[in-house]
Amino acid sequence: MKTFLSVCLISSSSAIPAFADHGYDEAYRGYVGAAYRHLATVYNCRALIGRSRYNNARVAAENSLRLSGMPTDIALRSVEKMLEKIRRDEKTKSHLSFAQCATKVAMTQAELQARERKLQSERQFKNWIADKDLPSEAP
């Protein structure tokens, strides 16, 4: 029984780093997606809610890409590509009222903040696993 438990612990400890990486990657993709949705919403509502909210959303999108280690110039170009897609899609969407814009912007901003907290939590977990020097999963 003791041997069985030892084997279980060893085999599960090798999967923990892979699980930590998967959780971080998933949290990062969710964060970038939330940044894109927030940028699209704010861009579409910029005339009603103001240019500063748009600038803040743009910086958040740039920062979300830079968190992956992407160089700043590439992150800036990537956000420009995002905006090109948003501009193309804007032509097919109906315009929102001020109340609808305010509600949707608040929702996408709350999602972005929640995704950012999840990403920070996953990063802390990943760092905690790395500090434990557990064996990594064999390729």
N, C-alpha and C. Protein backbone atom coordinates (compact mmCIF):
# COMPACT_ATOMS: atom_id res chain seq x y z
N MET A 1 0.83 -1.19 0.00
CA MET A 1 0.00 0.00 0.00
C MET A 1 0.88 1.26 0.00
N LYS A 2 1.93 1.22 0.80
CA LYS A 2 2.83 2.37 0.87
C LYS A 2 3.52 2.60 -0.47
N THR A 3 3.90 1.53 -1.14
CA THR A 3 4.53 1.63 -2.46
C THR A 3 3.56 2.21 -3.47
N PHE A 4 2.30 1.76 -3.40
CA PHE A 4 1.28 2.25 -4.31
C PHE A 4 1.09 3.76 -4.15
N LEU A 5 1.04 4.25 -2.90
CA LEU A 5 0.90 5.67 -2.64
C LEU A 5 2.11 6.45 -3.15
N SER A 6 3.29 5.89 -2.98
CA SER A 6 4.50 6.55 -3.47
C SER A 6 4.47 6.69 -4.98
N VAL A 7 4.05 5.63 -5.66
CA VAL A 7 3.97 5.67 -7.12
C VAL A 7 2.94 6.69 -7.56
N CYS A 8 1.80 6.76 -6.88
CA CYS A 8 0.76 7.74 -7.21
C CYS A 8 1.26 9.16 -7.03
N LEU A 9 1.95 9.41 -5.93
CA LEU A 9 2.47 10.75 -5.67
C LEU A 9 3.51 11.15 -6.70
N ILE A 10 4.39 10.24 -7.04
CA ILE A 10 5.44 10.56 -8.01
C ILE A 10 4.82 10.83 -9.38
N SER A 11 3.87 9.99 -9.79
CA SER A 11 3.27 10.18 -11.11
C SER A 11 2.43 11.45 -11.16
N SER A 12 1.73 11.77 -10.08
CA SER A 12 0.93 12.99 -10.10
C SER A 12 1.79 14.23 -10.00
N SER A 13 2.91 14.15 -9.30
CA SER A 13 3.78 15.33 -9.19
C SER A 13 4.42 15.68 -10.52
N SER A 14 4.59 14.70 -11.40
CA SER A 14 5.15 15.02 -12.71
C SER A 14 4.12 15.70 -13.60
N ALA A 15 2.84 15.52 -13.32
CA ALA A 15 1.79 16.14 -14.13
C ALA A 15 1.47 17.56 -13.66
N ILE A 16 1.84 17.91 -12.45
CA ILE A 16 1.50 19.23 -11.91
C ILE A 16 2.11 20.36 -12.73
N PRO A 17 3.40 20.32 -13.12
CA PRO A 17 3.91 21.42 -13.95
C PRO A 17 3.18 21.56 -15.28
N ALA A 18 2.83 20.44 -15.89
CA ALA A 18 2.08 20.52 -17.16
C ALA A 18 0.71 21.13 -16.92
N PHE A 19 0.07 20.75 -15.83
CA PHE A 19 -1.23 21.31 -15.49
C PHE A 19 -1.11 22.81 -15.23
N ALA A 20 -0.04 23.21 -14.54
CA ALA A 20 0.17 24.63 -14.25
C ALA A 20 0.36 25.42 -15.54
N ASP A 21 1.12 24.85 -16.49
CA ASP A 21 1.32 25.52 -17.77
C ASP A 21 0.02 25.63 -18.55
N HIS A 22 -0.76 24.56 -18.54
CA HIS A 22 -2.04 24.57 -19.26
C HIS A 22 -2.99 25.61 -18.65
N GLY A 23 -3.05 25.65 -17.34
CA GLY A 23 -3.92 26.62 -16.67
C GLY A 23 -3.49 28.04 -16.97
N TYR A 24 -2.18 28.28 -16.99
CA TYR A 24 -1.68 29.62 -17.29
C TYR A 24 -1.99 29.99 -18.73
N ASP A 25 -1.74 29.07 -19.66
CA ASP A 25 -2.01 29.35 -21.07
C ASP A 25 -3.48 29.65 -21.30
N GLU A 26 -4.33 28.86 -20.68
CA GLU A 26 -5.78 29.08 -20.82
C GLU A 26 -6.19 30.43 -20.22
N ALA A 27 -5.63 30.76 -19.06
CA ALA A 27 -5.94 32.05 -18.43
C ALA A 27 -5.43 33.20 -19.29
N TYR A 28 -4.25 33.04 -19.90
CA TYR A 28 -3.69 34.09 -20.75
C TYR A 28 -4.56 34.30 -21.99
N ARG A 29 -4.97 33.20 -22.64
CA ARG A 29 -5.83 33.33 -23.83
C ARG A 29 -7.16 34.00 -23.46
N GLY A 30 -7.70 33.66 -22.30
CA GLY A 30 -8.94 34.29 -21.85
C GLY A 30 -8.75 35.78 -21.60
N TYR A 31 -7.60 36.14 -21.05
CA TYR A 31 -7.29 37.54 -20.78
C TYR A 31 -7.17 38.34 -22.07
N VAL A 32 -6.48 37.79 -23.05
CA VAL A 32 -6.33 38.48 -24.34
C VAL A 32 -7.69 38.61 -25.02
N GLY A 33 -8.50 37.56 -24.96
CA GLY A 33 -9.84 37.61 -25.54
C GLY A 33 -10.70 38.68 -24.88
N ALA A 34 -10.61 38.77 -23.55
CA ALA A 34 -11.37 39.79 -22.83
C ALA A 34 -10.88 41.19 -23.19
N ALA A 35 -9.57 41.34 -23.36
CA ALA A 35 -9.01 42.64 -23.76
C ALA A 35 -9.51 43.03 -25.15
N TYR A 36 -9.61 42.05 -26.05
CA TYR A 36 -10.12 42.33 -27.39
C TYR A 36 -11.60 42.74 -27.34
N ARG A 37 -12.40 42.00 -26.59
CA ARG A 37 -13.83 42.32 -26.49
C ARG A 37 -14.04 43.70 -25.87
N HIS A 38 -13.25 44.03 -24.87
CA HIS A 38 -13.36 45.34 -24.23
C HIS A 38 -12.95 46.44 -25.20
N LEU A 39 -11.86 46.22 -25.93
CA LEU A 39 -11.41 47.20 -26.92
C LEU A 39 -12.47 47.40 -28.00
N ALA A 40 -13.07 46.32 -28.48
CA ALA A 40 -14.11 46.43 -29.51
C ALA A 40 -15.31 47.21 -28.99
N THR A 41 -15.72 46.92 -27.77
CA THR A 41 -16.87 47.61 -27.20
C THR A 41 -16.59 49.10 -27.03
N VAL A 42 -15.44 49.41 -26.46
CA VAL A 42 -15.09 50.81 -26.22
C VAL A 42 -14.89 51.55 -27.54
N TYR A 43 -14.29 50.88 -28.51
CA TYR A 43 -14.11 51.51 -29.81
C TYR A 43 -15.46 51.87 -30.43
N ASN A 44 -16.39 50.94 -30.37
CA ASN A 44 -17.71 51.18 -30.96
C ASN A 44 -18.51 52.24 -30.20
N CYS A 45 -18.17 52.46 -28.94
CA CYS A 45 -18.89 53.44 -28.12
C CYS A 45 -18.07 54.71 -27.85
N ARG A 46 -16.93 54.85 -28.50
CA ARG A 46 -16.01 55.95 -28.16
C ARG A 46 -16.62 57.33 -28.33
N ALA A 47 -17.52 57.49 -29.28
CA ALA A 47 -18.14 58.80 -29.49
C ALA A 47 -19.05 59.17 -28.32
N LEU A 48 -19.61 58.15 -27.66
CA LEU A 48 -20.53 58.41 -26.55
C LEU A 48 -19.84 58.47 -25.20
N ILE A 49 -18.79 57.67 -25.02
CA ILE A 49 -18.19 57.57 -23.68
C ILE A 49 -16.87 58.31 -23.55
N GLY A 50 -16.29 58.73 -24.66
CA GLY A 50 -15.08 59.55 -24.59
C GLY A 50 -13.83 58.83 -25.04
N ARG A 51 -12.92 59.64 -25.50
CA ARG A 51 -11.65 59.15 -26.06
C ARG A 51 -10.74 58.54 -24.99
N SER A 52 -10.79 59.03 -23.76
CA SER A 52 -9.88 58.52 -22.73
C SER A 52 -10.19 57.05 -22.40
N ARG A 53 -11.46 56.67 -22.39
CA ARG A 53 -11.81 55.26 -22.14
C ARG A 53 -11.29 54.38 -23.27
N TYR A 54 -11.35 54.90 -24.49
CA TYR A 54 -10.81 54.18 -25.64
C TYR A 54 -9.30 54.00 -25.50
N ASN A 55 -8.61 55.08 -25.13
CA ASN A 55 -7.15 54.99 -24.95
C ASN A 55 -6.78 53.98 -23.86
N ASN A 56 -7.54 53.97 -22.77
CA ASN A 56 -7.28 53.02 -21.69
C ASN A 56 -7.48 51.58 -22.16
N ALA A 57 -8.53 51.35 -22.94
CA ALA A 57 -8.80 50.00 -23.45
C ALA A 57 -7.70 49.57 -24.42
N ARG A 58 -7.22 50.49 -25.20
CA ARG A 58 -6.15 50.18 -26.15
C ARG A 58 -4.87 49.80 -25.40
N VAL A 59 -4.54 50.54 -24.38
CA VAL A 59 -3.35 50.23 -23.58
C VAL A 59 -3.51 48.86 -22.90
N ALA A 60 -4.71 48.57 -22.42
CA ALA A 60 -4.96 47.26 -21.79
C ALA A 60 -4.75 46.13 -22.80
N ALA A 61 -5.20 46.33 -24.04
CA ALA A 61 -5.00 45.32 -25.08
C ALA A 61 -3.50 45.15 -25.39
N GLU A 62 -2.78 46.26 -25.48
CA GLU A 62 -1.34 46.20 -25.73
C GLU A 62 -0.63 45.46 -24.60
N ASN A 63 -1.00 45.80 -23.36
CA ASN A 63 -0.37 45.16 -22.20
C ASN A 63 -0.68 43.68 -22.14
N SER A 64 -1.90 43.30 -22.53
CA SER A 64 -2.25 41.88 -22.50
C SER A 64 -1.34 41.09 -23.45
N LEU A 65 -1.00 41.67 -24.58
CA LEU A 65 -0.11 40.99 -25.52
C LEU A 65 1.33 41.00 -25.04
N ARG A 66 1.74 42.08 -24.41
CA ARG A 66 3.12 42.18 -23.93
C ARG A 66 3.38 41.22 -22.78
N LEU A 67 2.34 40.82 -22.05
CA LEU A 67 2.53 39.88 -20.95
C LEU A 67 3.09 38.54 -21.40
N SER A 68 2.88 38.21 -22.66
CA SER A 68 3.38 36.94 -23.17
C SER A 68 4.87 37.01 -23.48
N GLY A 69 5.44 38.20 -23.38
CA GLY A 69 6.83 38.38 -23.73
C GLY A 69 6.99 38.96 -25.12
N MET A 70 5.87 39.30 -25.73
CA MET A 70 5.89 39.89 -27.07
C MET A 70 6.54 41.27 -27.00
N PRO A 71 7.46 41.57 -27.91
CA PRO A 71 8.06 42.90 -27.92
C PRO A 71 7.00 43.99 -28.12
N THR A 72 7.27 45.15 -27.58
CA THR A 72 6.31 46.25 -27.61
C THR A 72 5.89 46.62 -29.02
N ASP A 73 6.84 46.70 -29.95
CA ASP A 73 6.48 47.10 -31.31
C ASP A 73 5.55 46.09 -31.97
N ILE A 74 5.75 44.82 -31.71
CA ILE A 74 4.87 43.80 -32.28
C ILE A 74 3.51 43.85 -31.61
N ALA A 75 3.47 44.10 -30.29
CA ALA A 75 2.20 44.23 -29.59
C ALA A 75 1.40 45.41 -30.14
N LEU A 76 2.08 46.52 -30.41
CA LEU A 76 1.39 47.69 -30.97
C LEU A 76 0.82 47.39 -32.36
N ARG A 77 1.60 46.70 -33.18
CA ARG A 77 1.10 46.33 -34.52
C ARG A 77 -0.06 45.34 -34.42
N SER A 78 0.02 44.43 -33.46
CA SER A 78 -1.06 43.46 -33.28
C SER A 78 -2.35 44.14 -32.87
N VAL A 79 -2.25 45.14 -32.01
CA VAL A 79 -3.44 45.89 -31.61
C VAL A 79 -4.00 46.66 -32.80
N GLU A 80 -3.12 47.17 -33.65
CA GLU A 80 -3.59 47.84 -34.87
C GLU A 80 -4.38 46.87 -35.75
N LYS A 81 -3.90 45.64 -35.84
CA LYS A 81 -4.62 44.62 -36.62
C LYS A 81 -5.97 44.30 -35.97
N MET A 82 -5.99 44.26 -34.64
CA MET A 82 -7.25 44.06 -33.93
C MET A 82 -8.23 45.17 -34.30
N LEU A 83 -7.72 46.40 -34.27
CA LEU A 83 -8.57 47.56 -34.58
C LEU A 83 -9.06 47.54 -36.02
N GLU A 84 -8.23 47.07 -36.94
CA GLU A 84 -8.68 46.94 -38.33
C GLU A 84 -9.87 45.99 -38.42
N LYS A 85 -9.78 44.87 -37.71
CA LYS A 85 -10.89 43.91 -37.69
C LYS A 85 -12.12 44.52 -37.03
N ILE A 86 -11.92 45.23 -35.95
CA ILE A 86 -13.04 45.89 -35.25
C ILE A 86 -13.71 46.90 -36.16
N ARG A 87 -12.91 47.66 -36.90
CA ARG A 87 -13.46 48.66 -37.83
C ARG A 87 -14.27 47.99 -38.94
N ARG A 88 -13.76 46.88 -39.47
CA ARG A 88 -14.51 46.15 -40.50
C ARG A 88 -15.83 45.63 -39.94
N ASP A 89 -15.78 45.07 -38.73
CA ASP A 89 -16.98 44.50 -38.10
C ASP A 89 -17.97 45.58 -37.69
N GLU A 90 -17.47 46.79 -37.41
CA GLU A 90 -18.32 47.89 -36.95
C GLU A 90 -19.37 48.24 -38.01
N LYS A 91 -19.03 48.08 -39.25
CA LYS A 91 -19.94 48.44 -40.34
C LYS A 91 -21.20 47.57 -40.34
N THR A 92 -21.10 46.38 -39.81
CA THR A 92 -22.24 45.46 -39.81
C THR A 92 -23.05 45.51 -38.52
N LYS A 93 -22.56 46.22 -37.51
CA LYS A 93 -23.25 46.27 -36.22
C LYS A 93 -24.10 47.52 -36.12
N SER A 94 -25.20 47.41 -35.37
CA SER A 94 -26.03 48.58 -35.13
C SER A 94 -25.40 49.42 -34.02
N HIS A 95 -25.69 50.70 -34.04
CA HIS A 95 -25.14 51.61 -33.03
C HIS A 95 -25.91 51.46 -31.73
N LEU A 96 -25.19 51.56 -30.63
CA LEU A 96 -25.79 51.42 -29.31
C LEU A 96 -26.11 52.79 -28.73
N SER A 97 -27.09 52.79 -27.84
CA SER A 97 -27.42 54.03 -27.13
C SER A 97 -26.38 54.25 -26.03
N PHE A 98 -26.42 55.42 -25.42
CA PHE A 98 -25.48 55.71 -24.34
C PHE A 98 -25.64 54.70 -23.20
N ALA A 99 -26.87 54.41 -22.81
CA ALA A 99 -27.11 53.46 -21.71
C ALA A 99 -26.59 52.07 -22.07
N GLN A 100 -26.82 51.64 -23.31
CA GLN A 100 -26.33 50.34 -23.74
C GLN A 100 -24.80 50.31 -23.74
N CYS A 101 -24.21 51.39 -24.21
CA CYS A 101 -22.74 51.48 -24.22
C CYS A 101 -22.19 51.43 -22.80
N ALA A 102 -22.77 52.21 -21.92
CA ALA A 102 -22.28 52.25 -20.54
C ALA A 102 -22.36 50.87 -19.90
N THR A 103 -23.46 50.17 -20.13
CA THR A 103 -23.65 48.84 -19.56
C THR A 103 -22.66 47.85 -20.15
N LYS A 104 -22.54 47.85 -21.47
CA LYS A 104 -21.65 46.89 -22.13
C LYS A 104 -20.19 47.15 -21.80
N VAL A 105 -19.80 48.43 -21.73
CA VAL A 105 -18.42 48.76 -21.37
C VAL A 105 -18.13 48.30 -19.94
N ALA A 106 -19.07 48.52 -19.03
CA ALA A 106 -18.87 48.08 -17.64
C ALA A 106 -18.74 46.56 -17.57
N MET A 107 -19.54 45.85 -18.36
CA MET A 107 -19.47 44.38 -18.35
C MET A 107 -18.14 43.88 -18.91
N THR A 108 -17.69 44.44 -20.03
CA THR A 108 -16.44 43.97 -20.61
C THR A 108 -15.24 44.36 -19.75
N GLN A 109 -15.34 45.51 -19.09
CA GLN A 109 -14.25 45.91 -18.19
C GLN A 109 -14.20 45.00 -16.97
N ALA A 110 -15.35 44.63 -16.44
CA ALA A 110 -15.39 43.71 -15.30
C ALA A 110 -14.83 42.34 -15.69
N GLU A 111 -15.17 41.88 -16.91
CA GLU A 111 -14.63 40.61 -17.38
C GLU A 111 -13.12 40.69 -17.52
N LEU A 112 -12.63 41.79 -18.08
CA LEU A 112 -11.20 41.98 -18.24
C LEU A 112 -10.48 41.95 -16.90
N GLN A 113 -11.03 42.63 -15.92
CA GLN A 113 -10.42 42.65 -14.58
C GLN A 113 -10.45 41.26 -13.94
N ALA A 114 -11.54 40.53 -14.11
CA ALA A 114 -11.63 39.17 -13.56
C ALA A 114 -10.62 38.25 -14.23
N ARG A 115 -10.48 38.38 -15.54
CA ARG A 115 -9.50 37.56 -16.28
C ARG A 115 -8.08 37.91 -15.87
N GLU A 116 -7.83 39.18 -15.60
CA GLU A 116 -6.50 39.60 -15.16
C GLU A 116 -6.18 39.00 -13.79
N ARG A 117 -7.16 39.00 -12.88
CA ARG A 117 -6.94 38.39 -11.57
C ARG A 117 -6.68 36.89 -11.70
N LYS A 118 -7.43 36.23 -12.58
CA LYS A 118 -7.22 34.79 -12.80
C LYS A 118 -5.83 34.52 -13.35
N LEU A 119 -5.39 35.36 -14.27
CA LEU A 119 -4.06 35.21 -14.84
C LEU A 119 -2.99 35.39 -13.77
N GLN A 120 -3.15 36.38 -12.91
CA GLN A 120 -2.19 36.60 -11.82
C GLN A 120 -2.17 35.40 -10.88
N SER A 121 -3.33 34.84 -10.60
CA SER A 121 -3.42 33.67 -9.74
C SER A 121 -2.71 32.48 -10.37
N GLU A 122 -2.93 32.27 -11.65
CA GLU A 122 -2.27 31.17 -12.37
C GLU A 122 -0.76 31.39 -12.41
N ARG A 123 -0.33 32.64 -12.58
CA ARG A 123 1.10 32.94 -12.60
C ARG A 123 1.72 32.63 -11.24
N GLN A 124 1.03 32.98 -10.17
CA GLN A 124 1.54 32.68 -8.83
C GLN A 124 1.62 31.17 -8.61
N PHE A 125 0.61 30.44 -9.08
CA PHE A 125 0.62 28.98 -8.95
C PHE A 125 1.78 28.39 -9.76
N LYS A 126 1.97 28.88 -10.97
CA LYS A 126 3.05 28.40 -11.83
C LYS A 126 4.41 28.67 -11.17
N ASN A 127 4.57 29.85 -10.60
CA ASN A 127 5.83 30.18 -9.91
C ASN A 127 6.01 29.33 -8.66
N TRP A 128 4.92 29.04 -7.96
CA TRP A 128 4.99 28.21 -6.76
C TRP A 128 5.44 26.81 -7.14
N ILE A 129 4.90 26.28 -8.24
CA ILE A 129 5.31 24.96 -8.71
C ILE A 129 6.79 24.97 -9.09
N ALA A 130 7.22 26.01 -9.78
CA ALA A 130 8.62 26.11 -10.21
C ALA A 130 9.54 26.18 -9.01
N ASP A 131 9.12 26.85 -7.93
CA ASP A 131 9.93 26.97 -6.73
C ASP A 131 10.06 25.63 -6.00
N LYS A 132 9.12 24.73 -6.21
CA LYS A 132 9.14 23.44 -5.52
C LYS A 132 10.09 22.45 -6.17
N ASP A 133 10.61 22.78 -7.33
CA ASP A 133 11.52 21.89 -8.07
C ASP A 133 10.95 20.50 -8.26
N LEU A 134 9.67 20.45 -8.61
CA LEU A 134 9.06 19.16 -8.92
C LEU A 134 9.57 18.71 -10.28
N PRO A 135 9.64 17.41 -10.49
CA PRO A 135 10.12 16.94 -11.80
C PRO A 135 9.13 17.37 -12.88
N SER A 136 9.67 17.82 -13.99
CA SER A 136 8.78 18.24 -15.08
C SER A 136 8.33 17.01 -15.85
N GLU A 137 7.25 17.17 -16.59
CA GLU A 137 6.70 16.07 -17.35
C GLU A 137 7.64 15.73 -18.50
N ALA A 138 7.86 14.46 -18.71
CA ALA A 138 8.76 14.03 -19.77
C ALA A 138 8.12 14.31 -21.12
N PRO A 139 8.91 14.77 -22.11
CA PRO A 139 8.35 15.07 -23.43
C PRO A 139 7.95 13.83 -24.18
